């Protein structure tokens, strides 16, 4: 029905407005913080030095955290559905907003830019909010790490949860956020090689299509700034240059659009170093992130409206 389509579209668009104006909720009230605490309960009790048991415990963590998160979101959505539409819309939009974070991503990038303007030590400390790699980096490497993080997070911090909402409603967006949070906390090699494997693989699968759509849209956005050909050529050439099956789909076109080389020492290099990695590159990346993010919100809203019209 047309009313359902308009409601779905309005929910996503209002969620985007809430994100742009309000930013992140305080930590005690943020659902992602609660998800992190639930993951932490399992992580502290995981078996050690027993690969099969670690993997089984990791799989249990994924199942329980996903089911609890999705169940709470389903109950919340059902409760909201009992209200009149003018009460449903802002509440549902705000809960959806907590599953994605465009402004938070941009704010983190700007904080890095300001820290680099002060001194390298401050920038290294600020880098903790963005990446998990070594902080003992010189300023160009810090700029590279920041731009890489801004680009990669276009998928999991913005587009993927919006697509999950469009297809599966609020429970889908919440479950996606739980999957991505588990990957961020335990989806690493080394200490979590076996325990985090299920989370890491599920996150790869959940981001497979969103990453490719995010990269395509980013290339189109760069056309406005005259960088389409470079972005597309770097994407075509280097989309498999990163170990992750998804990360390069947004990092490569970002490197091409900015005409820089993004590098994680010992792992990959993306792009051609035509321009130096100065703090100004972070500002340029932020512009592309904002523009792409707006397109992602419009995409999510349009898909939600179309599916609501077809299904309901």
C-alpha atoms as a PDB file:
ATOM      1  CA  UNK A   1       0.000   0.000   0.000  1.00  0.00           C
ATOM      2  CA  UNK A   2       1.113   3.569  -0.683  1.00  0.00           C
ATOM      3  CA  UNK A   3       0.829   4.533   2.993  1.00  0.00           C
ATOM      4  CA  UNK A   4       3.174   1.699   3.995  1.00  0.00           C
ATOM      5  CA  UNK A   5       5.698   2.763   1.367  1.00  0.00           C
ATOM      6  CA  UNK A   6       5.601   6.381   2.521  1.00  0.00           C
ATOM      7  CA  UNK A   7       5.967   5.309   6.138  1.00  0.00           C
ATOM      8  CA  UNK A   8       8.994   3.144   5.309  1.00  0.00           C
ATOM      9  CA  UNK A   9      10.605   5.931   3.303  1.00  0.00           C
ATOM     10  CA  UNK A  10       9.874   8.471   6.024  1.00  0.00           C
ATOM     11  CA  UNK A  11      11.363   6.228   8.708  1.00  0.00           C
ATOM     12  CA  UNK A  12      14.708   5.929   6.921  1.00  0.00           C
ATOM     13  CA  UNK A  13      14.875   9.599   5.972  1.00  0.00           C
ATOM     14  CA  UNK A  14      14.004  10.719   9.509  1.00  0.00           C
ATOM     15  CA  UNK A  15      16.626   8.330  10.887  1.00  0.00           C
ATOM     16  CA  UNK A  16      19.144  10.052   8.621  1.00  0.00           C
ATOM     17  CA  UNK A  17      18.068  13.452   9.945  1.00  0.00           C
ATOM     18  CA  UNK A  18      18.366  12.226  13.537  1.00  0.00           C
ATOM     19  CA  UNK A  19      21.856  10.939  12.806  1.00  0.00           C
ATOM     20  CA  UNK A  20      22.983  14.195  11.202  1.00  0.00           C
ATOM     21  CA  UNK A  21      21.539  16.403  13.951  1.00  0.00           C
ATOM     22  CA  UNK A  22      21.959  14.335  17.115  1.00  0.00           C
ATOM     23  CA  UNK A  23      24.947  12.096  16.513  1.00  0.00           C
ATOM     24  CA  UNK A  24      25.442   9.164  18.844  1.00  0.00           C
ATOM     25  CA  UNK A  25      23.344   8.530  21.966  1.00  0.00           C
ATOM     26  CA  UNK A  26      25.186   8.599  25.317  1.00  0.00           C
ATOM     27  CA  UNK A  27      27.022   5.343  25.974  1.00  0.00           C
ATOM     28  CA  UNK A  28      24.740   4.114  28.804  1.00  0.00           C
ATOM     29  CA  UNK A  29      21.735   4.375  26.479  1.00  0.00           C
ATOM     30  CA  UNK A  30      23.369   3.102  23.286  1.00  0.00           C
ATOM     31  CA  UNK A  31      22.174  -0.350  22.135  1.00  0.00           C
ATOM     32  CA  UNK A  32      25.589  -1.090  20.602  1.00  0.00           C
ATOM     33  CA  UNK A  33      27.167  -0.657  24.038  1.00  0.00           C
ATOM     34  CA  UNK A  34      24.683  -3.181  25.447  1.00  0.00           C
ATOM     35  CA  UNK A  35      25.499  -5.578  22.611  1.00  0.00           C
ATOM     36  CA  UNK A  36      29.183  -5.147  23.398  1.00  0.00           C
ATOM     37  CA  UNK A  37      28.587  -5.996  27.055  1.00  0.00           C
ATOM     38  CA  UNK A  38      26.712  -9.163  26.082  1.00  0.00           C
ATOM     39  CA  UNK A  39      29.569 -10.180  23.778  1.00  0.00           C
ATOM     40  CA  UNK A  40      32.014  -9.438  26.589  1.00  0.00           C
ATOM     41  CA  UNK A  41      30.172 -11.840  28.912  1.00  0.00           C
ATOM     42  CA  UNK A  42      30.789 -14.669  26.458  1.00  0.00           C
ATOM     43  CA  UNK A  43      34.324 -13.580  25.637  1.00  0.00           C
ATOM     44  CA  UNK A  44      35.437 -13.675  29.262  1.00  0.00           C
ATOM     45  CA  UNK A  45      34.205 -17.272  29.597  1.00  0.00           C
ATOM     46  CA  UNK A  46      35.641 -18.630  26.371  1.00  0.00           C
ATOM     47  CA  UNK A  47      37.812 -21.759  26.486  1.00  0.00           C
ATOM     48  CA  UNK A  48      41.487 -21.303  25.667  1.00  0.00           C
ATOM     49  CA  UNK A  49      44.092 -23.392  23.858  1.00  0.00           C
ATOM     50  CA  UNK A  50      41.407 -25.769  22.577  1.00  0.00           C
ATOM     51  CA  UNK A  51      40.609 -24.807  18.961  1.00  0.00           C
ATOM     52  CA  UNK A  52      37.459 -26.896  18.528  1.00  0.00           C
ATOM     53  CA  UNK A  53      35.961 -25.783  21.815  1.00  0.00           C
ATOM     54  CA  UNK A  54      36.906 -22.173  21.076  1.00  0.00           C
ATOM     55  CA  UNK A  55      35.215 -22.336  17.682  1.00  0.00           C
ATOM     56  CA  UNK A  56      32.098 -23.946  19.190  1.00  0.00           C
ATOM     57  CA  UNK A  57      31.949 -21.270  21.893  1.00  0.00           C
ATOM     58  CA  UNK A  58      32.355 -18.590  19.237  1.00  0.00           C
ATOM     59  CA  UNK A  59      29.508 -20.076  17.229  1.00  0.00           C
ATOM     60  CA  UNK A  60      27.349 -20.130  20.360  1.00  0.00           C
ATOM     61  CA  UNK A  61      28.249 -16.482  20.981  1.00  0.00           C
ATOM     62  CA  UNK A  62      27.119 -15.543  17.484  1.00  0.00           C
ATOM     63  CA  UNK A  63      23.831 -17.422  17.811  1.00  0.00           C
ATOM     64  CA  UNK A  64      22.906 -16.148  21.270  1.00  0.00           C
ATOM     65  CA  UNK A  65      23.935 -12.525  20.710  1.00  0.00           C
ATOM     66  CA  UNK A  66      22.162 -12.460  17.348  1.00  0.00           C
ATOM     67  CA  UNK A  67      18.982 -14.021  18.726  1.00  0.00           C
ATOM     68  CA  UNK A  68      18.864 -11.795  21.809  1.00  0.00           C
ATOM     69  CA  UNK A  69      19.500  -8.641  19.802  1.00  0.00           C
ATOM     70  CA  UNK A  70      16.973  -9.553  17.131  1.00  0.00           C
ATOM     71  CA  UNK A  71      14.418 -10.602  19.753  1.00  0.00           C
ATOM     72  CA  UNK A  72      14.673  -7.336  21.673  1.00  0.00           C
ATOM     73  CA  UNK A  73      14.369  -5.362  18.430  1.00  0.00           C
ATOM     74  CA  UNK A  74      11.336  -7.426  17.376  1.00  0.00           C
ATOM     75  CA  UNK A  75       9.596  -6.786  20.704  1.00  0.00           C
ATOM     76  CA  UNK A  76      10.389  -3.074  20.450  1.00  0.00           C
ATOM     77  CA  UNK A  77       9.041  -2.921  16.893  1.00  0.00           C
ATOM     78  CA  UNK A  78       5.854  -4.753  17.881  1.00  0.00           C
ATOM     79  CA  UNK A  79       5.322  -2.400  20.790  1.00  0.00           C
ATOM     80  CA  UNK A  80       5.867   0.662  18.609  1.00  0.00           C
ATOM     81  CA  UNK A  81       3.354  -0.725  16.083  1.00  0.00           C
ATOM     82  CA  UNK A  82       0.606  -0.331  18.695  1.00  0.00           C
ATOM     83  CA  UNK A  83       0.992   3.460  18.591  1.00  0.00           C
ATOM     84  CA  UNK A  84      -0.608   5.811  16.044  1.00  0.00           C
ATOM     85  CA  UNK A  85       1.577   6.499  13.006  1.00  0.00           C
ATOM     86  CA  UNK A  86       2.748   9.870  14.314  1.00  0.00           C
ATOM     87  CA  UNK A  87       4.102   8.116  17.402  1.00  0.00           C
ATOM     88  CA  UNK A  88       5.522   5.155  15.510  1.00  0.00           C
ATOM     89  CA  UNK A  89       7.521   7.201  13.018  1.00  0.00           C
ATOM     90  CA  UNK A  90       9.918   9.087  15.330  1.00  0.00           C
ATOM     91  CA  UNK A  91      10.438   6.142  17.697  1.00  0.00           C
ATOM     92  CA  UNK A  92      11.170   3.651  14.936  1.00  0.00           C
ATOM     93  CA  UNK A  93      13.388   6.165  13.151  1.00  0.00           C
ATOM     94  CA  UNK A  94      15.407   6.815  16.290  1.00  0.00           C
ATOM     95  CA  UNK A  95      15.905   3.121  16.986  1.00  0.00           C
ATOM     96  CA  UNK A  96      16.994   2.642  13.381  1.00  0.00           C
ATOM     97  CA  UNK A  97      19.413   5.527  13.781  1.00  0.00           C
ATOM     98  CA  UNK A  98      21.207   3.657  16.577  1.00  0.00           C
ATOM     99  CA  UNK A  99      22.146   0.900  14.104  1.00  0.00           C
ATOM    100  CA  UNK A 100      24.117   3.173  11.763  1.00  0.00           C
ATOM    101  CA  UNK A 101      26.437   6.127  12.210  1.00  0.00           C
ATOM    102  CA  UNK A 102      27.320   8.513   9.410  1.00  0.00           C
ATOM    103  CA  UNK A 103      27.886  11.557  11.599  1.00  0.00           C
ATOM    104  CA  UNK A 104      29.892   9.511  14.112  1.00  0.00           C
ATOM    105  CA  UNK A 105      32.174   8.359  11.296  1.00  0.00           C
ATOM    106  CA  UNK A 106      32.645  11.907  10.061  1.00  0.00           C
ATOM    107  CA  UNK A 107      33.239  13.227  13.588  1.00  0.00           C
ATOM    108  CA  UNK A 108      35.980  10.625  14.115  1.00  0.00           C
ATOM    109  CA  UNK A 109      37.671  11.745  10.907  1.00  0.00           C
ATOM    110  CA  UNK A 110      37.486  15.394  11.890  1.00  0.00           C
ATOM    111  CA  UNK A 111      38.897  14.595  15.323  1.00  0.00           C
ATOM    112  CA  UNK A 112      41.883  12.963  13.629  1.00  0.00           C
ATOM    113  CA  UNK A 113      42.359  15.995  11.417  1.00  0.00           C
ATOM    114  CA  UNK A 114      42.358  18.310  14.438  1.00  0.00           C
ATOM    115  CA  UNK A 115      44.727  16.026  16.346  1.00  0.00           C
ATOM    116  CA  UNK A 116      47.212  16.026  13.465  1.00  0.00           C
ATOM    117  CA  UNK A 117      47.109  19.814  13.479  1.00  0.00           C
ATOM    118  CA  UNK A 118      48.207  19.768  17.144  1.00  0.00           C
ATOM    119  CA  UNK A 119      50.936  17.121  17.219  1.00  0.00           C
ATOM    120  CA  UNK A 120      51.704  13.566  16.166  1.00  0.00           C
ATOM    121  CA  UNK A 121      51.347  12.148  19.679  1.00  0.00           C
ATOM    122  CA  UNK A 122      47.788  13.458  19.935  1.00  0.00           C
ATOM    123  CA  UNK A 123      46.987  12.008  16.519  1.00  0.00           C
ATOM    124  CA  UNK A 124      48.359   8.604  17.502  1.00  0.00           C
ATOM    125  CA  UNK A 125      46.158   8.611  20.583  1.00  0.00           C
ATOM    126  CA  UNK A 126      43.096   9.662  18.591  1.00  0.00           C
ATOM    127  CA  UNK A 127      43.767   6.856  16.120  1.00  0.00           C
ATOM    128  CA  UNK A 128      42.519   4.386  18.741  1.00  0.00           C
ATOM    129  CA  UNK A 129      38.946   5.386  17.890  1.00  0.00           C
ATOM    130  CA  UNK A 130      39.372   4.370  14.262  1.00  0.00           C
ATOM    131  CA  UNK A 131      41.762   1.467  13.718  1.00  0.00           C
ATOM    132  CA  UNK A 132      43.276  -1.504  15.522  1.00  0.00           C
ATOM    133  CA  UNK A 133      46.720  -1.381  13.910  1.00  0.00           C
ATOM    134  CA  UNK A 134      49.953  -0.152  15.510  1.00  0.00           C
ATOM    135  CA  UNK A 135      49.776   3.472  16.641  1.00  0.00           C
ATOM    136  CA  UNK A 136      53.504   4.078  16.143  1.00  0.00           C
ATOM    137  CA  UNK A 137      52.951   5.744  12.767  1.00  0.00           C
ATOM    138  CA  UNK A 138      54.288   8.891  11.139  1.00  0.00           C
ATOM    139  CA  UNK A 139      51.769  11.582  10.014  1.00  0.00           C
ATOM    140  CA  UNK A 140      51.355  10.337   6.393  1.00  0.00           C
ATOM    141  CA  UNK A 141      50.649   6.804   7.649  1.00  0.00           C
ATOM    142  CA  UNK A 142      48.152   8.234  10.153  1.00  0.00           C
ATOM    143  CA  UNK A 143      46.397  10.070   7.317  1.00  0.00           C
ATOM    144  CA  UNK A 144      46.350   6.847   5.299  1.00  0.00           C
ATOM    145  CA  UNK A 145      44.883   4.832   8.186  1.00  0.00           C
ATOM    146  CA  UNK A 146      42.227   7.496   8.750  1.00  0.00           C
ATOM    147  CA  UNK A 147      41.167   7.662   5.103  1.00  0.00           C
ATOM    148  CA  UNK A 148      41.107   3.853   4.886  1.00  0.00           C
ATOM    149  CA  UNK A 149      38.866   3.653   7.949  1.00  0.00           C
ATOM    150  CA  UNK A 150      36.514   6.340   6.665  1.00  0.00           C
ATOM    151  CA  UNK A 151      36.162   4.496   3.358  1.00  0.00           C
ATOM    152  CA  UNK A 152      35.814   0.982   4.776  1.00  0.00           C
ATOM    153  CA  UNK A 153      33.224   2.042   7.331  1.00  0.00           C
ATOM    154  CA  UNK A 154      30.965   3.437   4.626  1.00  0.00           C
ATOM    155  CA  UNK A 155      29.787  -0.149   4.241  1.00  0.00           C
ATOM    156  CA  UNK A 156      29.341  -1.425   7.777  1.00  0.00           C
ATOM    157  CA  UNK A 157      28.605   1.845   9.568  1.00  0.00           C
ATOM    158  CA  UNK A 158      26.123   3.226   7.034  1.00  0.00           C
ATOM    159  CA  UNK A 159      24.854   1.287   4.035  1.00  0.00           C
ATOM    160  CA  UNK A 160      24.672  -2.306   5.312  1.00  0.00           C
ATOM    161  CA  UNK A 161      22.379  -1.642   8.312  1.00  0.00           C
ATOM    162  CA  UNK A 162      20.110   0.523   6.139  1.00  0.00           C
ATOM    163  CA  UNK A 163      19.773  -2.271   3.588  1.00  0.00           C
ATOM    164  CA  UNK A 164      19.147  -4.772   6.384  1.00  0.00           C
ATOM    165  CA  UNK A 165      16.333  -2.565   7.679  1.00  0.00           C
ATOM    166  CA  UNK A 166      14.823  -2.201   4.219  1.00  0.00           C
ATOM    167  CA  UNK A 167      14.674  -5.984   3.744  1.00  0.00           C
ATOM    168  CA  UNK A 168      14.154  -7.318   7.279  1.00  0.00           C
ATOM    169  CA  UNK A 169      12.899  -4.359   9.307  1.00  0.00           C
ATOM    170  CA  UNK A 170      14.284  -3.199  12.642  1.00  0.00           C
ATOM    171  CA  UNK A 171      15.241  -6.736  13.799  1.00  0.00           C
ATOM    172  CA  UNK A 172      17.326  -7.145  10.636  1.00  0.00           C
ATOM    173  CA  UNK A 173      19.206  -3.882  11.207  1.00  0.00           C
ATOM    174  CA  UNK A 174      19.793  -4.792  14.853  1.00  0.00           C
ATOM    175  CA  UNK A 175      21.061  -8.282  14.017  1.00  0.00           C
ATOM    176  CA  UNK A 176      23.395  -6.823  11.405  1.00  0.00           C
ATOM    177  CA  UNK A 177      24.762  -4.398  13.991  1.00  0.00           C
ATOM    178  CA  UNK A 178      25.297  -7.292  16.406  1.00  0.00           C
ATOM    179  CA  UNK A 179      27.183  -9.272  13.738  1.00  0.00           C
ATOM    180  CA  UNK A 180      29.399  -6.319  12.905  1.00  0.00           C
ATOM    181  CA  UNK A 181      30.048  -5.556  16.582  1.00  0.00           C
ATOM    182  CA  UNK A 182      31.084  -9.161  17.188  1.00  0.00           C
ATOM    183  CA  UNK A 183      33.461  -8.969  14.248  1.00  0.00           C
ATOM    184  CA  UNK A 184      34.930  -5.726  15.582  1.00  0.00           C
ATOM    185  CA  UNK A 185      35.466  -7.205  19.040  1.00  0.00           C
ATOM    186  CA  UNK A 186      36.526 -10.783  18.363  1.00  0.00           C
ATOM    187  CA  UNK A 187      36.889 -11.267  14.607  1.00  0.00           C
ATOM    188  CA  UNK A 188      40.689 -11.224  14.601  1.00  0.00           C
ATOM    189  CA  UNK A 189      43.519 -13.624  13.994  1.00  0.00           C
ATOM    190  CA  UNK A 190      45.919 -14.413  16.796  1.00  0.00           C
ATOM    191  CA  UNK A 191      44.226 -14.527  20.185  1.00  0.00           C
ATOM    192  CA  UNK A 192      40.758 -14.914  18.641  1.00  0.00           C
ATOM    193  CA  UNK A 193      41.813 -17.112  15.695  1.00  0.00           C
ATOM    194  CA  UNK A 194      39.256 -19.827  16.495  1.00  0.00           C
ATOM    195  CA  UNK A 195      36.853 -18.114  18.853  1.00  0.00           C
ATOM    196  CA  UNK A 196      36.166 -15.243  16.455  1.00  0.00           C
ATOM    197  CA  UNK A 197      36.120 -17.215  13.210  1.00  0.00           C
ATOM    198  CA  UNK A 198      32.329 -17.624  13.020  1.00  0.00           C
ATOM    199  CA  UNK A 199      31.783 -13.917  13.682  1.00  0.00           C
ATOM    200  CA  UNK A 200      34.367 -12.900  11.088  1.00  0.00           C
ATOM    201  CA  UNK A 201      32.973 -15.178   8.383  1.00  0.00           C
ATOM    202  CA  UNK A 202      29.396 -14.120   9.048  1.00  0.00           C
ATOM    203  CA  UNK A 203      30.406 -10.467   8.883  1.00  0.00           C
ATOM    204  CA  UNK A 204      32.127 -11.093   5.536  1.00  0.00           C
ATOM    205  CA  UNK A 205      28.948 -12.679   4.197  1.00  0.00           C
ATOM    206  CA  UNK A 206      26.671  -9.943   5.555  1.00  0.00           C
ATOM    207  CA  UNK A 207      28.813  -7.225   3.943  1.00  0.00           C
ATOM    208  CA  UNK A 208      29.418  -8.913   0.582  1.00  0.00           C
ATOM    209  CA  UNK A 209      26.638  -7.193  -1.354  1.00  0.00           C
ATOM    210  CA  UNK A 210      26.570  -3.907   0.623  1.00  0.00           C
ATOM    211  CA  UNK A 211      30.322  -3.417   0.075  1.00  0.00           C
ATOM    212  CA  UNK A 212      29.960  -3.701  -3.678  1.00  0.00           C
ATOM    213  CA  UNK A 213      26.979  -1.377  -3.771  1.00  0.00           C
ATOM    214  CA  UNK A 214      28.794   1.081  -1.509  1.00  0.00           C
ATOM    215  CA  UNK A 215      31.813   1.067  -3.811  1.00  0.00           C
ATOM    216  CA  UNK A 216      29.676   1.607  -6.907  1.00  0.00           C
ATOM    217  CA  UNK A 217      27.885   4.564  -5.338  1.00  0.00           C
ATOM    218  CA  UNK A 218      31.176   6.027  -4.121  1.00  0.00           C
ATOM    219  CA  UNK A 219      32.503   5.908  -7.676  1.00  0.00           C
ATOM    220  CA  UNK A 220      29.396   7.742  -8.905  1.00  0.00           C
ATOM    221  CA  UNK A 221      29.776  10.365  -6.172  1.00  0.00           C
ATOM    222  CA  UNK A 222      33.383  11.002  -7.192  1.00  0.00           C
ATOM    223  CA  UNK A 223      32.111  11.958 -10.655  1.00  0.00           C
ATOM    224  CA  UNK A 224      30.755  15.174  -9.144  1.00  0.00           C
ATOM    225  CA  UNK A 225      34.312  16.085  -8.153  1.00  0.00           C
ATOM    226  CA  UNK A 226      35.945  14.925 -11.377  1.00  0.00           C
ATOM    227  CA  UNK A 227      37.423  11.716  -9.988  1.00  0.00           C
ATOM    228  CA  UNK A 228      35.189   9.046 -11.492  1.00  0.00           C
ATOM    229  CA  UNK A 229      37.673   7.605 -13.992  1.00  0.00           C
ATOM    230  CA  UNK A 230      40.484   7.339 -11.436  1.00  0.00           C
ATOM    231  CA  UNK A 231      38.185   5.881  -8.762  1.00  0.00           C
ATOM    232  CA  UNK A 232      36.777   3.258 -11.123  1.00  0.00           C
ATOM    233  CA  UNK A 233      40.169   2.279 -12.541  1.00  0.00           C
ATOM    234  CA  UNK A 234      41.708   1.751  -9.100  1.00  0.00           C
ATOM    235  CA  UNK A 235      38.645  -0.219  -8.009  1.00  0.00           C
ATOM    236  CA  UNK A 236      38.807  -2.445 -11.083  1.00  0.00           C
ATOM    237  CA  UNK A 237      42.533  -3.053 -10.648  1.00  0.00           C
ATOM    238  CA  UNK A 238      42.835  -3.442  -6.882  1.00  0.00           C
ATOM    239  CA  UNK A 239      39.501  -4.639  -5.507  1.00  0.00           C
ATOM    240  CA  UNK A 240      41.143  -7.937  -4.520  1.00  0.00           C
ATOM    241  CA  UNK A 241      44.383  -6.447  -3.175  1.00  0.00           C
ATOM    242  CA  UNK A 242      43.165  -6.612   0.444  1.00  0.00           C
ATOM    243  CA  UNK A 243      42.785  -9.816   2.457  1.00  0.00           C
ATOM    244  CA  UNK A 244      39.206  -8.927   3.347  1.00  0.00           C
ATOM    245  CA  UNK A 245      36.777  -9.796   0.535  1.00  0.00           C
ATOM    246  CA  UNK A 246      34.951  -6.495   1.061  1.00  0.00           C
ATOM    247  CA  UNK A 247      37.239  -3.726   2.335  1.00  0.00           C
ATOM    248  CA  UNK A 248      38.875  -2.718  -0.956  1.00  0.00           C
ATOM    249  CA  UNK A 249      35.528  -2.059  -2.631  1.00  0.00           C
ATOM    250  CA  UNK A 250      35.343   1.323  -0.920  1.00  0.00           C
ATOM    251  CA  UNK A 251      38.997   1.913  -0.023  1.00  0.00           C
ATOM    252  CA  UNK A 252      40.229   1.504  -3.611  1.00  0.00           C
ATOM    253  CA  UNK A 253      37.887   4.079  -5.190  1.00  0.00           C
ATOM    254  CA  UNK A 254      38.610   6.458  -2.323  1.00  0.00           C
ATOM    255  CA  UNK A 255      42.342   6.174  -3.039  1.00  0.00           C
ATOM    256  CA  UNK A 256      41.700   6.754  -6.737  1.00  0.00           C
ATOM    257  CA  UNK A 257      39.440   9.751  -6.163  1.00  0.00           C
ATOM    258  CA  UNK A 258      41.948  11.412  -3.819  1.00  0.00           C
ATOM    259  CA  UNK A 259      44.915  10.467  -6.056  1.00  0.00           C
ATOM    260  CA  UNK A 260      46.833   9.009  -3.126  1.00  0.00           C
ATOM    261  CA  UNK A 261      48.279   5.673  -2.156  1.00  0.00           C
ATOM    262  CA  UNK A 262      46.731   4.082   0.912  1.00  0.00           C
ATOM    263  CA  UNK A 263      48.985   1.579   2.615  1.00  0.00           C
ATOM    264  CA  UNK A 264      48.969  -0.827   5.516  1.00  0.00           C
ATOM    265  CA  UNK A 265      52.590  -1.848   5.874  1.00  0.00           C
ATOM    266  CA  UNK A 266      53.156  -5.501   5.059  1.00  0.00           C
ATOM    267  CA  UNK A 267      49.588  -6.015   3.876  1.00  0.00           C
ATOM    268  CA  UNK A 268      48.520  -3.866   0.915  1.00  0.00           C
ATOM    269  CA  UNK A 269      48.914  -0.717  -1.129  1.00  0.00           C
ATOM    270  CA  UNK A 270      45.987   0.863  -2.941  1.00  0.00           C
ATOM    271  CA  UNK A 271      46.183   3.637  -5.517  1.00  0.00           C
ATOM    272  CA  UNK A 272      48.952   5.680  -7.077  1.00  0.00           C
ATOM    273  CA  UNK A 273      50.844   8.247  -4.945  1.00  0.00           C
ATOM    274  CA  UNK A 274      50.140  11.302  -7.095  1.00  0.00           C
ATOM    275  CA  UNK A 275      49.561  13.590  -4.101  1.00  0.00           C
ATOM    276  CA  UNK A 276      51.015  13.615  -0.586  1.00  0.00           C
ATOM    277  CA  UNK A 277      49.108  12.232   2.391  1.00  0.00           C
ATOM    278  CA  UNK A 278      48.508  15.470   4.268  1.00  0.00           C
ATOM    279  CA  UNK A 279      45.664  16.268   6.700  1.00  0.00           C
ATOM    280  CA  UNK A 280      43.835  17.978   3.835  1.00  0.00           C
ATOM    281  CA  UNK A 281      43.223  14.533   2.333  1.00  0.00           C
ATOM    282  CA  UNK A 282      41.153  13.647   5.409  1.00  0.00           C
ATOM    283  CA  UNK A 283      38.952  16.664   4.766  1.00  0.00           C
ATOM    284  CA  UNK A 284      38.478  15.625   1.151  1.00  0.00           C
ATOM    285  CA  UNK A 285      37.628  12.085   2.222  1.00  0.00           C
ATOM    286  CA  UNK A 286      35.067  13.428   4.696  1.00  0.00           C
ATOM    287  CA  UNK A 287      33.341  15.326   1.868  1.00  0.00           C
ATOM    288  CA  UNK A 288      33.062  12.096  -0.132  1.00  0.00           C
ATOM    289  CA  UNK A 289      31.827  10.240   2.961  1.00  0.00           C
ATOM    290  CA  UNK A 290      29.062  12.806   3.578  1.00  0.00           C
ATOM    291  CA  UNK A 291      27.930  12.762  -0.053  1.00  0.00           C
ATOM    292  CA  UNK A 292      28.012   8.977  -0.258  1.00  0.00           C
ATOM    293  CA  UNK A 293      26.216   8.671   3.088  1.00  0.00           C
ATOM    294  CA  UNK A 294      23.345  10.845   1.873  1.00  0.00           C
ATOM    295  CA  UNK A 295      23.055   8.620  -1.203  1.00  0.00           C
ATOM    296  CA  UNK A 296      23.025   5.522   1.004  1.00  0.00           C
ATOM    297  CA  UNK A 297      20.191   6.908   3.114  1.00  0.00           C
ATOM    298  CA  UNK A 298      18.212   7.661  -0.040  1.00  0.00           C
ATOM    299  CA  UNK A 299      18.953   4.164  -1.356  1.00  0.00           C
ATOM    300  CA  UNK A 300      17.870   2.527   1.877  1.00  0.00           C
ATOM    301  CA  UNK A 301      14.702   4.590   2.035  1.00  0.00           C
ATOM    302  CA  UNK A 302      13.795   3.890  -1.580  1.00  0.00           C
ATOM    303  CA  UNK A 303      14.358   0.144  -1.206  1.00  0.00           C
ATOM    304  CA  UNK A 304      12.339   0.098   2.026  1.00  0.00           C
ATOM    305  CA  UNK A 305       9.479   1.942   0.292  1.00  0.00           C
ATOM    306  CA  UNK A 306       9.484  -0.373  -2.730  1.00  0.00           C
ATOM    307  CA  UNK A 307       9.505  -3.524  -0.628  1.00  0.00           C
ATOM    308  CA  UNK A 308       6.810  -2.174   1.707  1.00  0.00           C
ATOM    309  CA  UNK A 309       4.628  -1.416  -1.312  1.00  0.00           C
ATOM    310  CA  UNK A 310       5.171  -4.843  -2.852  1.00  0.00           C
ATOM    311  CA  UNK A 311       4.786  -6.883   0.349  1.00  0.00           C
ATOM    312  CA  UNK A 312       2.193  -5.006   2.331  1.00  0.00           C
END
